[in-house]
Amino acid sequence: MKKIALIALFIATFAGVNAQETVPSISVVGEGTVKIVPDQVLIKVRVESEGKSAESVKTENDLAIGKVIKYAKSLKISEKDIKTEYVNLNKNYDYQTKQYKYAANQSMSILLKDLSKYAEFTQGLLNAGINRIDGVTFKSTDIDKHNANARMKAVKDAKTKAMEYASVLNQSVGKAINISETGSVTPPQPIYRMEMMKASDSMEQGEAMETIAIGEMVVKAKINIVFELK
């Protein structure tokens, strides 16, 4: 009986401590958005070759890639900004001709740090022998600074929301108890392969044509903050 009484006393004491430690609070999510114009572009290109001989197909593919690298370097693009993504050589059976064919393809990513050269550069890549542009991703050299600005805006937004909610209840907001965040950078949509090829055809005909819409990068941050409620 005495043991049961001690357990009951412990539970009551523990509940009382918890009740004393409970702090009225308010939890809000703040959002911060920063719009910026990118100053770099990452272009993923591919060279594909096909033929009856594995050696000739690989040689043809390597020569085209060599021209691409040489052209990129001629525009003062650093070697560290030219990266091979993958190299494939496959043997395929053609059921119509009942013969084997070999297909080689290499993929590269090239970082162009001068957007004013984009049209010239992509045209030069096509002339060098690439036959696919798989993706275009815009970047900013100051992305860390923009992320920090987005976070600060999110914190201010969270505090403003908390104060608005509290004022309706004739209460005030105290110090922050807990902060957590999730955030992402959303680049503009890339130009697609067909659009790029059409732009190339126009340039060959001597027509001036815009081949890219740079747009804006949107840096977003979401912050969840728990404030004391007084």
Protein backbone atom coordinates (compact mmCIF):
# COMPACT_ATOMS: atom_id res chain seq x y z
CA MET A 1 0.00 0.00 0.00
CA LYS A 2 2.84 2.30 0.89
CA LYS A 3 4.47 1.53 -2.49
CA ILE A 4 1.27 2.49 -4.35
CA ALA A 5 1.06 5.75 -2.42
CA LEU A 6 4.66 6.63 -3.33
CA ILE A 7 3.98 5.97 -7.03
CA ALA A 8 0.87 8.14 -6.94
CA LEU A 9 2.83 10.93 -5.23
CA PHE A 10 5.56 10.71 -7.88
CA ILE A 11 3.04 10.92 -10.74
CA ALA A 12 1.32 13.92 -9.17
CA THR A 13 4.65 15.69 -8.61
CA PHE A 14 5.79 14.98 -12.20
CA ALA A 15 2.50 16.27 -13.62
CA GLY A 16 2.83 19.43 -11.55
CA VAL A 17 6.36 20.08 -12.81
CA ASN A 18 5.22 19.59 -16.42
CA ALA A 19 2.33 21.97 -15.90
CA GLN A 20 4.74 24.59 -14.56
CA GLU A 21 7.10 24.13 -17.52
CA THR A 22 4.38 24.44 -20.16
CA VAL A 23 4.74 27.81 -21.89
CA PRO A 24 1.92 29.33 -23.96
CA SER A 25 3.22 29.56 -27.51
CA ILE A 26 2.30 30.27 -31.10
CA SER A 27 3.75 28.45 -34.15
CA VAL A 28 3.88 30.19 -37.52
CA VAL A 29 5.48 29.63 -40.94
CA GLY A 30 7.24 32.56 -42.57
CA GLU A 31 8.08 32.75 -46.26
CA GLY A 32 10.80 34.77 -47.98
CA THR A 33 11.26 35.23 -51.71
CA VAL A 34 14.13 36.86 -53.61
CA LYS A 35 14.08 37.28 -57.40
CA ILE A 36 17.41 37.52 -59.19
CA VAL A 37 18.74 37.54 -62.75
CA PRO A 38 21.19 34.66 -63.27
CA ASP A 39 24.70 35.36 -64.53
CA GLN A 40 25.79 31.83 -65.51
CA VAL A 41 24.33 28.89 -67.43
CA LEU A 42 25.15 25.18 -67.25
CA ILE A 43 24.60 23.47 -70.61
CA LYS A 44 24.43 19.69 -70.92
CA VAL A 45 25.25 18.43 -74.42
CA ARG A 46 25.53 15.02 -76.05
CA VAL A 47 27.31 13.59 -79.08
CA GLU A 48 25.81 10.44 -80.61
CA SER A 49 27.39 8.31 -83.35
CA GLU A 50 26.26 5.12 -85.03
CA GLY A 51 27.88 2.68 -87.47
CA LYS A 52 28.85 -0.91 -88.26
CA SER A 53 32.27 -0.83 -86.62
CA ALA A 54 32.80 -0.26 -82.89
CA GLU A 55 36.23 1.26 -83.52
CA SER A 56 35.08 3.69 -86.20
CA VAL A 57 32.04 4.75 -84.19
CA LYS A 58 34.12 5.39 -81.07
CA THR A 59 36.75 7.26 -83.08
CA GLU A 60 34.10 9.45 -84.72
CA ASN A 61 32.54 10.17 -81.36
CA ASP A 62 35.85 11.04 -79.71
CA LEU A 63 36.78 13.39 -82.58
CA ALA A 64 33.49 15.29 -82.18
CA ILE A 65 33.98 15.57 -78.42
CA GLY A 66 37.52 16.81 -79.02
CA LYS A 67 36.19 19.56 -81.29
CA VAL A 68 33.64 20.54 -78.64
CA ILE A 69 36.31 20.83 -75.95
CA LYS A 70 38.64 22.76 -78.26
CA TYR A 71 35.85 25.17 -79.17
CA ALA A 72 34.91 25.69 -75.52
CA LYS A 73 38.52 26.48 -74.62
CA SER A 74 38.71 28.94 -77.54
CA LEU A 75 36.04 30.99 -75.72
CA LYS A 76 38.23 31.03 -72.58
CA ILE A 77 36.11 28.46 -70.75
CA SER A 78 38.23 26.87 -68.04
CA GLU A 79 38.93 23.12 -68.01
CA LYS A 80 37.32 22.86 -64.56
CA ASP A 81 34.06 24.11 -66.09
CA ILE A 82 34.03 21.31 -68.70
CA LYS A 83 32.93 17.96 -67.28
CA THR A 84 32.31 14.57 -68.90
CA GLU A 85 29.07 13.11 -67.54
CA TYR A 86 29.24 9.65 -69.12
CA VAL A 87 30.60 7.63 -72.08
CA ASN A 88 28.64 4.74 -73.63
CA LEU A 89 29.35 2.25 -76.44
CA ASN A 90 26.58 -0.24 -77.22
CA LYS A 91 26.13 -3.09 -79.70
CA ASN A 92 22.58 -3.27 -81.07
CA TYR A 93 20.92 -5.75 -83.38
CA ASP A 94 18.81 -4.37 -86.24
CA TYR A 95 16.06 -6.90 -86.94
CA GLN A 96 15.19 -5.28 -90.27
CA THR A 97 18.66 -5.49 -91.80
CA LYS A 98 19.62 -8.49 -89.62
CA GLN A 99 22.93 -6.83 -88.82
CA TYR A 100 24.61 -5.51 -85.73
CA LYS A 101 25.20 -1.79 -85.30
CA TYR A 102 27.27 0.09 -82.79
CA ALA A 103 26.15 3.26 -81.04
CA ALA A 104 28.47 5.54 -79.08
CA ASN A 105 27.45 8.58 -77.11
CA GLN A 106 29.13 10.94 -74.72
CA SER A 107 27.54 13.55 -72.50
CA MET A 108 29.23 16.70 -71.21
CA SER A 109 28.26 19.63 -69.04
CA ILE A 110 29.79 23.04 -69.74
CA LEU A 111 29.49 26.08 -67.48
CA LEU A 112 29.27 29.33 -69.45
CA LYS A 113 29.99 32.33 -67.23
CA ASP A 114 29.20 35.00 -69.82
CA LEU A 115 25.53 34.87 -70.81
CA SER A 116 26.07 37.41 -73.59
CA LYS A 117 27.92 34.66 -75.49
CA TYR A 118 25.11 32.11 -75.17
CA ALA A 119 23.82 32.30 -78.78
CA GLU A 120 27.34 32.28 -80.21
CA PHE A 121 28.41 29.43 -77.97
CA THR A 122 25.46 27.12 -78.67
CA GLN A 123 25.82 27.70 -82.41
CA GLY A 124 29.52 26.84 -82.15
CA LEU A 125 28.67 23.64 -80.27
CA LEU A 126 26.31 22.58 -83.05
CA ASN A 127 28.99 23.29 -85.64
CA ALA A 128 31.50 21.29 -83.60
CA GLY A 129 29.36 18.18 -83.86
CA ILE A 130 26.95 17.90 -80.93
CA ASN A 131 23.53 16.60 -81.89
CA ARG A 132 21.69 16.98 -78.60
CA ILE A 133 21.29 19.64 -75.94
CA ASP A 134 19.84 17.80 -72.97
CA GLY A 135 19.40 20.65 -70.54
CA VAL A 136 20.04 24.27 -69.67
CA THR A 137 20.24 25.35 -66.03
CA PHE A 138 20.71 28.96 -64.96
CA LYS A 139 22.90 29.80 -61.98
CA SER A 140 24.01 32.75 -59.86
CA THR A 141 27.47 33.35 -58.43
CA ASP A 142 25.87 35.06 -55.40
CA ILE A 143 23.39 32.30 -54.59
CA ASP A 144 24.55 32.00 -50.95
CA LYS A 145 23.91 35.72 -50.37
CA HIS A 146 20.46 35.46 -51.97
CA ASN A 147 19.61 32.41 -49.85
CA ALA A 148 20.56 34.37 -46.73
CA ASN A 149 18.33 37.29 -47.80
CA ALA A 150 15.43 34.91 -48.40
CA ARG A 151 15.87 33.42 -44.91
CA MET A 152 15.89 36.85 -43.27
CA LYS A 153 12.71 37.79 -45.11
CA ALA A 154 11.12 34.53 -43.97
CA VAL A 155 11.99 35.22 -40.32
CA LYS A 156 10.53 38.74 -40.54
CA ASP A 157 7.41 37.35 -42.19
CA ALA A 158 7.01 34.76 -39.41
CA LYS A 159 7.32 37.40 -36.69
CA THR A 160 4.83 39.70 -38.45
CA LYS A 161 2.29 36.86 -38.68
CA ALA A 162 2.78 35.92 -35.03
CA MET A 163 2.25 39.54 -33.92
CA GLU A 164 -0.90 39.82 -36.02
CA TYR A 165 -2.38 36.66 -34.51
CA ALA A 166 -1.42 37.66 -30.97
CA SER A 167 -2.86 41.19 -31.29
CA VAL A 168 -6.30 39.80 -32.08
CA LEU A 169 -6.14 37.95 -28.73
CA ASN A 170 -4.87 41.07 -26.91
CA GLN A 171 -1.60 39.28 -26.27
CA SER A 172 2.01 39.88 -27.29
CA VAL A 173 4.81 37.83 -28.79
CA GLY A 174 7.86 36.92 -26.74
CA LYS A 175 11.17 35.29 -27.63
CA ALA A 176 11.54 32.51 -30.18
CA ILE A 177 11.51 29.03 -28.67
CA ASN A 178 12.21 26.92 -31.76
CA ILE A 179 13.25 27.60 -35.38
CA SER A 180 13.37 25.15 -38.30
CA GLU A 181 13.61 25.73 -42.05
CA THR A 182 13.25 24.19 -45.49
CA GLY A 183 14.12 26.01 -48.70
CA SER A 184 14.82 25.59 -52.40
CA VAL A 185 15.98 27.44 -55.48
CA THR A 186 13.70 27.22 -58.50
CA PRO A 187 15.43 28.02 -61.82
CA PRO A 188 13.49 29.16 -64.89
CA GLN A 189 12.46 26.53 -67.41
CA PRO A 190 15.25 25.52 -69.83
CA ILE A 191 15.09 26.05 -73.56
CA TYR A 192 14.19 22.77 -75.28
CA ARG A 193 16.06 20.92 -78.01
CA MET A 194 13.60 21.68 -80.83
CA GLU A 195 13.64 25.38 -79.99
CA MET A 196 17.43 25.33 -80.05
CA MET A 197 17.57 23.62 -83.42
CA LYS A 198 15.08 26.08 -84.91
CA ALA A 199 17.17 28.95 -83.62
CA SER A 200 20.24 27.38 -85.22
CA ASP A 201 18.48 27.04 -88.59
CA SER A 202 17.55 30.72 -88.53
CA MET A 203 21.11 31.75 -87.75
CA GLU A 204 22.37 29.72 -90.69
CA GLN A 205 19.97 31.67 -92.90
CA GLY A 206 21.38 34.95 -91.60
CA GLU A 207 18.39 35.91 -89.49
CA ALA A 208 18.74 37.48 -86.07
CA MET A 209 16.79 35.49 -83.51
CA GLU A 210 16.63 35.28 -79.74
CA THR A 211 17.54 31.73 -78.69
CA ILE A 212 17.04 32.00 -74.96
CA ALA A 213 14.77 33.65 -72.41
CA ILE A 214 16.91 34.18 -69.31
CA GLY A 215 14.03 35.16 -67.02
CA GLU A 216 14.55 35.16 -63.27
CA MET A 217 15.65 32.74 -60.60
CA VAL A 218 13.37 32.61 -57.60
CA VAL A 219 15.04 31.85 -54.27
CA LYS A 220 12.53 30.75 -51.64
CA ALA A 221 12.90 30.02 -47.94
CA LYS A 222 10.33 28.74 -45.46
CA ILE A 223 10.91 29.12 -41.75
CA ASN A 224 8.81 27.60 -38.97
CA ILE A 225 9.17 29.53 -35.70
CA VAL A 226 7.56 28.88 -32.31
CA PHE A 227 7.24 32.09 -30.23
CA GLU A 228 6.32 32.57 -26.60
CA LEU A 229 2.83 34.00 -26.24
CA LYS A 230 2.37 36.52 -23.44
